[in-house]
Amino acid sequence: MIIWRGWGGLAIVYIGACAALLGGLLGASILQSSTAAGPLAGLGILIGGAITAVHGWYLNVRLPRKRAEQWEAAERPRLEDAADRGVLVVGNTLPSSPEEAAQMIESVIADGRRAIGRHGPHSVFWIPMEVIGILAMVGGIVLAGATLAAAFTG
């Protein structure tokens, strides 16, 4: 049973589809060469891994950071306005000076950015998509190299 969160299942689709298209369709069916199928499948895994790594990085790293920046851009003016009007309350505490209000605002912003900007949930078996992509790229290189070496030596 495969367990994924978010769009993590796309890692399997990207890697499997690229390997099947290059190794199975192009290598075995079109070229009708079992010798070419192995290296092409490795190349397909490499390409699928690259797609997975880039898409995983975007979903898990870039998008949460972008959301945190957008949240801060909307929240900071609201907090500063509340501090200017004297109605800023953080943790049931009213600031006693403008400096304390500024520290409270920075604390709220830092906590919010940390919560909103944390790593995304897109994974397979709790392994982030970008890591799966990198592992697939290494595996594709190894498979392509091993099958090429076997083709030339045997």
N, C-alpha and C. Protein backbone atom coordinates (compact mmCIF):
# COMPACT_ATOMS: atom_id res chain seq x y z
N MET A 1 0.84 -1.17 0.00
CA MET A 1 0.00 0.00 0.00
C MET A 1 0.89 1.24 0.00
N ILE A 2 0.63 2.13 -0.92
CA ILE A 2 1.42 3.36 -1.03
C ILE A 2 0.67 4.46 -0.30
N ILE A 3 1.39 5.15 0.56
CA ILE A 3 0.81 6.24 1.32
C ILE A 3 1.44 7.53 0.85
N TRP A 4 0.61 8.47 0.44
CA TRP A 4 1.12 9.78 0.07
C TRP A 4 0.25 10.86 0.66
N ARG A 5 0.84 12.04 0.76
CA ARG A 5 0.11 13.21 1.24
C ARG A 5 0.18 14.28 0.17
N GLY A 6 -0.89 15.05 0.06
CA GLY A 6 -0.92 16.12 -0.91
C GLY A 6 -0.76 15.60 -2.33
N TRP A 7 0.08 16.25 -3.07
CA TRP A 7 0.36 15.86 -4.45
C TRP A 7 1.54 14.90 -4.54
N GLY A 8 1.94 14.29 -3.44
CA GLY A 8 3.08 13.39 -3.42
C GLY A 8 2.96 12.22 -4.38
N GLY A 9 1.74 11.77 -4.64
CA GLY A 9 1.53 10.65 -5.55
C GLY A 9 2.01 10.95 -6.96
N LEU A 10 2.13 12.22 -7.30
CA LEU A 10 2.64 12.56 -8.63
C LEU A 10 4.09 12.11 -8.81
N ALA A 11 4.82 11.95 -7.73
CA ALA A 11 6.21 11.48 -7.85
C ALA A 11 6.23 10.11 -8.53
N ILE A 12 5.33 9.24 -8.13
CA ILE A 12 5.25 7.90 -8.71
C ILE A 12 4.83 7.99 -10.17
N VAL A 13 3.88 8.87 -10.45
CA VAL A 13 3.39 9.04 -11.82
C VAL A 13 4.49 9.57 -12.72
N TYR A 14 5.17 10.63 -12.28
CA TYR A 14 6.23 11.22 -13.11
C TYR A 14 7.33 10.21 -13.42
N ILE A 15 7.83 9.56 -12.39
CA ILE A 15 8.95 8.63 -12.56
C ILE A 15 8.52 7.41 -13.37
N GLY A 16 7.38 6.84 -13.02
CA GLY A 16 6.89 5.65 -13.73
C GLY A 16 6.57 5.93 -15.18
N ALA A 17 5.92 7.06 -15.45
CA ALA A 17 5.54 7.39 -16.83
C ALA A 17 6.77 7.65 -17.69
N CYS A 18 7.73 8.38 -17.17
CA CYS A 18 8.94 8.65 -17.95
C CYS A 18 9.73 7.37 -18.22
N ALA A 19 9.83 6.51 -17.22
CA ALA A 19 10.55 5.24 -17.42
C ALA A 19 9.81 4.36 -18.42
N ALA A 20 8.49 4.31 -18.32
CA ALA A 20 7.71 3.48 -19.25
C ALA A 20 7.78 4.03 -20.68
N LEU A 21 7.68 5.35 -20.80
CA LEU A 21 7.71 5.93 -22.14
C LEU A 21 9.06 5.73 -22.82
N LEU A 22 10.14 6.01 -22.10
CA LEU A 22 11.45 5.88 -22.73
C LEU A 22 11.91 4.42 -22.81
N GLY A 23 11.83 3.70 -21.71
CA GLY A 23 12.32 2.33 -21.70
C GLY A 23 11.40 1.36 -22.41
N GLY A 24 10.12 1.44 -22.08
CA GLY A 24 9.18 0.48 -22.65
C GLY A 24 8.74 0.83 -24.05
N LEU A 25 8.21 2.03 -24.21
CA LEU A 25 7.66 2.40 -25.52
C LEU A 25 8.76 2.64 -26.54
N LEU A 26 9.71 3.51 -26.21
CA LEU A 26 10.74 3.84 -27.19
C LEU A 26 11.76 2.70 -27.34
N GLY A 27 12.28 2.21 -26.21
CA GLY A 27 13.35 1.21 -26.29
C GLY A 27 12.88 -0.15 -26.75
N ALA A 28 11.84 -0.68 -26.09
CA ALA A 28 11.42 -2.04 -26.40
C ALA A 28 10.48 -2.11 -27.60
N SER A 29 9.54 -1.16 -27.71
CA SER A 29 8.54 -1.26 -28.78
C SER A 29 8.99 -0.63 -30.09
N ILE A 30 9.40 0.60 -30.05
CA ILE A 30 9.74 1.30 -31.30
C ILE A 30 11.09 0.85 -31.83
N LEU A 31 12.11 0.87 -30.98
CA LEU A 31 13.44 0.45 -31.42
C LEU A 31 13.59 -1.07 -31.44
N GLN A 32 12.71 -1.77 -30.74
CA GLN A 32 12.74 -3.23 -30.62
C GLN A 32 14.12 -3.73 -30.22
N SER A 33 14.65 -3.10 -29.19
CA SER A 33 15.99 -3.45 -28.72
C SER A 33 15.96 -3.59 -27.21
N SER A 34 16.20 -4.80 -26.76
CA SER A 34 16.26 -5.01 -25.31
C SER A 34 17.52 -4.37 -24.73
N THR A 35 18.54 -4.21 -25.54
CA THR A 35 19.76 -3.57 -25.08
C THR A 35 19.54 -2.08 -24.83
N ALA A 36 18.73 -1.45 -25.66
CA ALA A 36 18.46 -0.02 -25.51
C ALA A 36 17.41 0.25 -24.44
N ALA A 37 16.57 -0.71 -24.14
CA ALA A 37 15.48 -0.49 -23.19
C ALA A 37 15.99 -0.16 -21.79
N GLY A 38 17.04 -0.84 -21.34
CA GLY A 38 17.58 -0.61 -19.99
C GLY A 38 18.13 0.80 -19.80
N PRO A 39 19.06 1.23 -20.66
CA PRO A 39 19.58 2.59 -20.51
C PRO A 39 18.49 3.66 -20.70
N LEU A 40 17.55 3.41 -21.62
CA LEU A 40 16.48 4.37 -21.82
C LEU A 40 15.54 4.43 -20.61
N ALA A 41 15.30 3.28 -19.99
CA ALA A 41 14.50 3.28 -18.76
C ALA A 41 15.22 4.06 -17.66
N GLY A 42 16.53 3.88 -17.56
CA GLY A 42 17.32 4.66 -16.59
C GLY A 42 17.26 6.15 -16.89
N LEU A 43 17.33 6.50 -18.17
CA LEU A 43 17.21 7.90 -18.56
C LEU A 43 15.81 8.43 -18.22
N GLY A 44 14.80 7.58 -18.42
CA GLY A 44 13.43 7.97 -18.08
C GLY A 44 13.27 8.20 -16.59
N ILE A 45 13.87 7.35 -15.78
CA ILE A 45 13.82 7.53 -14.32
C ILE A 45 14.55 8.81 -13.93
N LEU A 46 15.67 9.07 -14.59
CA LEU A 46 16.41 10.31 -14.34
C LEU A 46 15.56 11.54 -14.67
N ILE A 47 14.91 11.54 -15.81
CA ILE A 47 14.07 12.68 -16.21
C ILE A 47 12.86 12.80 -15.29
N GLY A 48 12.20 11.68 -14.98
CA GLY A 48 11.06 11.71 -14.05
C GLY A 48 11.47 12.19 -12.68
N GLY A 49 12.67 11.80 -12.24
CA GLY A 49 13.18 12.27 -10.96
C GLY A 49 13.44 13.76 -10.96
N ALA A 50 13.94 14.27 -12.08
CA ALA A 50 14.19 15.72 -12.18
C ALA A 50 12.86 16.48 -12.14
N ILE A 51 11.87 15.99 -12.84
CA ILE A 51 10.55 16.64 -12.82
C ILE A 51 9.98 16.60 -11.40
N THR A 52 10.10 15.46 -10.75
CA THR A 52 9.60 15.31 -9.38
C THR A 52 10.33 16.24 -8.42
N ALA A 53 11.64 16.33 -8.54
CA ALA A 53 12.42 17.20 -7.64
C ALA A 53 12.02 18.66 -7.81
N VAL A 54 11.87 19.11 -9.04
CA VAL A 54 11.51 20.51 -9.28
C VAL A 54 10.09 20.80 -8.79
N HIS A 55 9.15 19.92 -9.13
CA HIS A 55 7.76 20.12 -8.70
C HIS A 55 7.65 20.02 -7.18
N GLY A 56 8.35 19.07 -6.58
CA GLY A 56 8.35 18.94 -5.12
C GLY A 56 8.94 20.15 -4.43
N TRP A 57 10.03 20.68 -4.97
CA TRP A 57 10.63 21.89 -4.38
C TRP A 57 9.65 23.05 -4.44
N TYR A 58 8.97 23.18 -5.57
CA TYR A 58 8.01 24.27 -5.71
C TYR A 58 6.87 24.11 -4.70
N LEU A 59 6.31 22.91 -4.61
CA LEU A 59 5.17 22.68 -3.72
C LEU A 59 5.55 22.73 -2.24
N ASN A 60 6.70 22.19 -1.89
CA ASN A 60 7.07 22.04 -0.48
C ASN A 60 7.90 23.18 0.08
N VAL A 61 8.60 23.90 -0.76
CA VAL A 61 9.49 24.95 -0.27
C VAL A 61 9.05 26.34 -0.76
N ARG A 62 8.97 26.50 -2.04
CA ARG A 62 8.69 27.83 -2.60
C ARG A 62 7.28 28.33 -2.29
N LEU A 63 6.28 27.49 -2.48
CA LEU A 63 4.89 27.91 -2.26
C LEU A 63 4.62 28.29 -0.81
N PRO A 64 5.07 27.50 0.19
CA PRO A 64 4.85 27.94 1.57
C PRO A 64 5.56 29.26 1.90
N ARG A 65 6.75 29.47 1.37
CA ARG A 65 7.45 30.75 1.61
C ARG A 65 6.67 31.91 0.99
N LYS A 66 6.13 31.68 -0.20
CA LYS A 66 5.36 32.72 -0.87
C LYS A 66 4.09 33.05 -0.06
N ARG A 67 3.43 32.02 0.45
CA ARG A 67 2.24 32.25 1.27
C ARG A 67 2.58 33.02 2.54
N ALA A 68 3.71 32.69 3.15
CA ALA A 68 4.14 33.40 4.36
C ALA A 68 4.42 34.87 4.06
N GLU A 69 5.05 35.15 2.91
CA GLU A 69 5.32 36.53 2.53
C GLU A 69 4.02 37.30 2.30
N GLN A 70 3.06 36.66 1.64
CA GLN A 70 1.77 37.31 1.40
C GLN A 70 1.04 37.58 2.72
N TRP A 71 1.09 36.60 3.62
CA TRP A 71 0.43 36.77 4.92
C TRP A 71 1.07 37.95 5.67
N GLU A 72 2.40 38.01 5.67
CA GLU A 72 3.08 39.09 6.37
C GLU A 72 2.73 40.45 5.77
N ALA A 73 2.66 40.52 4.45
CA ALA A 73 2.33 41.78 3.79
C ALA A 73 0.93 42.27 4.17
N ALA A 74 0.02 41.35 4.43
CA ALA A 74 -1.34 41.73 4.84
C ALA A 74 -1.44 41.96 6.34
N GLU A 75 -0.71 41.20 7.13
CA GLU A 75 -0.85 41.24 8.59
C GLU A 75 -0.08 42.39 9.24
N ARG A 76 1.11 42.69 8.73
CA ARG A 76 1.93 43.73 9.36
C ARG A 76 1.21 45.09 9.41
N PRO A 77 0.62 45.58 8.32
CA PRO A 77 -0.09 46.86 8.41
C PRO A 77 -1.26 46.83 9.40
N ARG A 78 -1.96 45.71 9.48
CA ARG A 78 -3.06 45.58 10.42
C ARG A 78 -2.57 45.67 11.86
N LEU A 79 -1.47 45.00 12.15
CA LEU A 79 -0.91 45.04 13.51
C LEU A 79 -0.36 46.42 13.85
N GLU A 80 0.31 47.04 12.89
CA GLU A 80 0.85 48.39 13.14
C GLU A 80 -0.27 49.40 13.34
N ASP A 81 -1.35 49.25 12.60
CA ASP A 81 -2.50 50.14 12.78
C ASP A 81 -3.11 49.95 14.17
N ALA A 82 -3.22 48.69 14.61
CA ALA A 82 -3.76 48.43 15.95
C ALA A 82 -2.85 49.02 17.02
N ALA A 83 -1.54 48.94 16.81
CA ALA A 83 -0.60 49.51 17.78
C ALA A 83 -0.72 51.03 17.81
N ASP A 84 -0.87 51.65 16.65
CA ASP A 84 -1.02 53.11 16.59
C ASP A 84 -2.29 53.58 17.30
N ARG A 85 -3.35 52.79 17.21
CA ARG A 85 -4.62 53.16 17.85
C ARG A 85 -4.66 52.76 19.32
N GLY A 86 -3.64 52.00 19.78
CA GLY A 86 -3.58 51.59 21.18
C GLY A 86 -4.45 50.40 21.52
N VAL A 87 -4.82 49.61 20.51
CA VAL A 87 -5.68 48.45 20.76
C VAL A 87 -4.98 47.13 20.44
N LEU A 88 -3.67 47.17 20.29
CA LEU A 88 -2.91 45.95 20.03
C LEU A 88 -2.83 45.13 21.30
N VAL A 89 -3.31 43.90 21.23
CA VAL A 89 -3.23 42.98 22.36
C VAL A 89 -2.69 41.66 21.82
N VAL A 90 -1.60 41.20 22.41
CA VAL A 90 -0.99 39.93 22.01
C VAL A 90 -0.85 39.08 23.26
N GLY A 91 -1.49 37.93 23.26
CA GLY A 91 -1.42 37.04 24.41
C GLY A 91 -2.00 37.69 25.67
N ASN A 92 -3.10 38.39 25.52
CA ASN A 92 -3.76 39.09 26.64
C ASN A 92 -2.87 40.15 27.28
N THR A 93 -1.92 40.67 26.52
CA THR A 93 -1.01 41.69 27.03
C THR A 93 -1.09 42.93 26.14
N LEU A 94 -1.31 44.07 26.79
CA LEU A 94 -1.33 45.35 26.10
C LEU A 94 0.06 45.97 26.24
N PRO A 95 0.70 46.40 25.16
CA PRO A 95 2.05 46.94 25.26
C PRO A 95 2.04 48.25 26.04
N SER A 96 3.13 48.47 26.79
CA SER A 96 3.22 49.68 27.61
C SER A 96 3.99 50.80 26.91
N SER A 97 4.64 50.49 25.79
CA SER A 97 5.39 51.52 25.06
C SER A 97 5.40 51.16 23.57
N PRO A 98 5.72 52.12 22.73
CA PRO A 98 5.81 51.82 21.29
C PRO A 98 6.89 50.79 20.97
N GLU A 99 7.97 50.79 21.75
CA GLU A 99 9.04 49.81 21.53
C GLU A 99 8.54 48.41 21.84
N GLU A 100 7.79 48.27 22.92
CA GLU A 100 7.24 46.97 23.28
C GLU A 100 6.21 46.52 22.23
N ALA A 101 5.44 47.46 21.70
CA ALA A 101 4.47 47.14 20.65
C ALA A 101 5.20 46.63 19.40
N ALA A 102 6.32 47.29 19.06
CA ALA A 102 7.10 46.86 17.89
C ALA A 102 7.66 45.45 18.10
N GLN A 103 8.13 45.15 19.32
CA GLN A 103 8.63 43.81 19.63
C GLN A 103 7.51 42.77 19.54
N MET A 104 6.32 43.14 20.01
CA MET A 104 5.18 42.23 19.96
C MET A 104 4.78 41.95 18.51
N ILE A 105 4.80 42.99 17.69
CA ILE A 105 4.47 42.81 16.28
C ILE A 105 5.47 41.88 15.61
N GLU A 106 6.75 42.09 15.87
CA GLU A 106 7.79 41.23 15.28
C GLU A 106 7.63 39.79 15.76
N SER A 107 7.25 39.61 17.01
CA SER A 107 7.03 38.27 17.55
C SER A 107 5.85 37.58 16.85
N VAL A 108 4.76 38.31 16.65
CA VAL A 108 3.59 37.75 15.97
C VAL A 108 3.94 37.41 14.52
N ILE A 109 4.66 38.30 13.86
CA ILE A 109 5.05 38.07 12.46
C ILE A 109 5.98 36.85 12.36
N ALA A 110 6.95 36.75 13.26
CA ALA A 110 7.88 35.61 13.23
C ALA A 110 7.14 34.30 13.47
N ASP A 111 6.23 34.28 14.44
CA ASP A 111 5.47 33.06 14.72
C ASP A 111 4.59 32.69 13.53
N GLY A 112 3.95 33.68 12.93
CA GLY A 112 3.09 33.42 11.77
C GLY A 112 3.86 32.92 10.57
N ARG A 113 5.00 33.53 10.29
CA ARG A 113 5.83 33.08 9.16
C ARG A 113 6.32 31.66 9.38
N ARG A 114 6.68 31.35 10.62
CA ARG A 114 7.16 30.01 10.93
C ARG A 114 6.04 28.99 10.72
N ALA A 115 4.83 29.31 11.14
CA ALA A 115 3.71 28.38 11.01
C ALA A 115 3.25 28.25 9.56
N ILE A 116 3.14 29.36 8.86
CA ILE A 116 2.63 29.33 7.49
C ILE A 116 3.70 28.87 6.51
N GLY A 117 4.94 29.24 6.73
CA GLY A 117 6.01 28.95 5.79
C GLY A 117 6.73 27.65 6.00
N ARG A 118 6.22 26.80 6.88
CA ARG A 118 6.92 25.53 7.09
C ARG A 118 6.81 24.64 5.86
N HIS A 119 7.64 23.63 5.84
CA HIS A 119 7.73 22.71 4.71
C HIS A 119 6.36 22.14 4.37
N GLY A 120 6.07 22.05 3.09
CA GLY A 120 4.78 21.56 2.63
C GLY A 120 4.56 20.08 2.90
N PRO A 121 3.33 19.62 2.71
CA PRO A 121 2.97 18.25 3.07
C PRO A 121 3.05 17.24 1.93
N HIS A 122 3.66 17.57 0.83
CA HIS A 122 3.61 16.70 -0.35
C HIS A 122 4.72 15.66 -0.28
N SER A 123 4.33 14.40 0.00
CA SER A 123 5.31 13.35 0.23
C SER A 123 4.74 11.98 -0.12
N VAL A 124 5.63 11.01 -0.21
CA VAL A 124 5.28 9.60 -0.36
C VAL A 124 6.02 8.86 0.74
N PHE A 125 5.28 8.09 1.53
CA PHE A 125 5.87 7.40 2.69
C PHE A 125 6.67 8.38 3.55
N TRP A 126 6.15 9.56 3.75
CA TRP A 126 6.73 10.61 4.59
C TRP A 126 8.07 11.12 4.08
N ILE A 127 8.39 10.81 2.84
CA ILE A 127 9.60 11.33 2.21
C ILE A 127 9.17 12.45 1.27
N PRO A 128 9.67 13.67 1.44
CA PRO A 128 9.26 14.79 0.59
C PRO A 128 9.51 14.51 -0.90
N MET A 129 8.67 15.06 -1.74
CA MET A 129 8.77 14.84 -3.19
C MET A 129 10.14 15.19 -3.74
N GLU A 130 10.71 16.30 -3.28
CA GLU A 130 11.99 16.71 -3.85
C GLU A 130 13.09 15.71 -3.51
N VAL A 131 13.02 15.09 -2.36
CA VAL A 131 14.00 14.06 -1.98
C VAL A 131 13.81 12.81 -2.82
N ILE A 132 12.55 12.42 -3.04
CA ILE A 132 12.27 11.27 -3.90
C ILE A 132 12.82 11.53 -5.30
N GLY A 133 12.64 12.75 -5.79
CA GLY A 133 13.16 13.10 -7.11
C GLY A 133 14.67 12.97 -7.19
N ILE A 134 15.36 13.43 -6.17
CA ILE A 134 16.82 13.33 -6.15
C ILE A 134 17.26 11.86 -6.09
N LEU A 135 16.58 11.07 -5.26
CA LEU A 135 16.91 9.64 -5.18
C LEU A 135 16.64 8.94 -6.50
N ALA A 136 15.55 9.30 -7.17
CA ALA A 136 15.24 8.71 -8.47
C ALA A 136 16.29 9.10 -9.51
N MET A 137 16.76 10.33 -9.45
CA MET A 137 17.79 10.75 -10.40
C MET A 137 19.06 9.92 -10.21
N VAL A 138 19.45 9.71 -8.97
CA VAL A 138 20.63 8.87 -8.69
C VAL A 138 20.38 7.45 -9.17
N GLY A 139 19.19 6.92 -8.86
CA GLY A 139 18.86 5.57 -9.31
C GLY A 139 18.84 5.46 -10.82
N GLY A 140 18.35 6.47 -11.51
CA GLY A 140 18.33 6.45 -12.97
C GLY A 140 19.72 6.45 -13.56
N ILE A 141 20.61 7.24 -12.95
CA ILE A 141 22.00 7.25 -13.42
C ILE A 141 22.65 5.89 -13.22
N VAL A 142 22.41 5.30 -12.05
CA VAL A 142 22.99 3.98 -11.76
C VAL A 142 22.44 2.93 -12.72
N LEU A 143 21.11 2.93 -12.94
CA LEU A 143 20.50 1.95 -13.85
C LEU A 143 21.00 2.13 -15.27
N ALA A 144 21.05 3.35 -15.75
CA ALA A 144 21.52 3.59 -17.12
C ALA A 144 22.99 3.19 -17.25
N GLY A 145 23.79 3.55 -16.27
CA GLY A 145 25.21 3.18 -16.33
C GLY A 145 25.43 1.68 -16.26
N ALA A 146 24.70 1.01 -15.37
CA ALA A 146 24.87 -0.44 -15.23
C ALA A 146 24.42 -1.18 -16.49
N THR A 147 23.28 -0.78 -17.07
CA THR A 147 22.81 -1.46 -18.26
C THR A 147 23.68 -1.15 -19.47
N LEU A 148 24.22 0.05 -19.54
CA LEU A 148 25.17 0.36 -20.61
C LEU A 148 26.45 -0.46 -20.47
N ALA A 149 26.94 -0.55 -19.25
CA ALA A 149 28.15 -1.32 -19.00
C ALA A 149 27.93 -2.79 -19.33
N ALA A 150 26.77 -3.33 -18.96
CA ALA A 150 26.46 -4.72 -19.26
C ALA A 150 26.32 -4.94 -20.76
N ALA A 151 25.79 -3.96 -21.48
CA ALA A 151 25.62 -4.09 -22.92
C ALA A 151 26.96 -4.13 -23.63
N PHE A 152 27.91 -3.33 -23.15
CA PHE A 152 29.21 -3.28 -23.82
C PHE A 152 30.15 -4.41 -23.40
N THR A 153 29.94 -4.96 -22.22
CA THR A 153 30.82 -6.03 -21.77
C THR A 153 30.28 -7.41 -22.10
N GLY A 154 28.98 -7.51 -22.32
CA GLY A 154 28.44 -8.84 -22.47
C GLY A 154 27.92 -9.11 -23.79
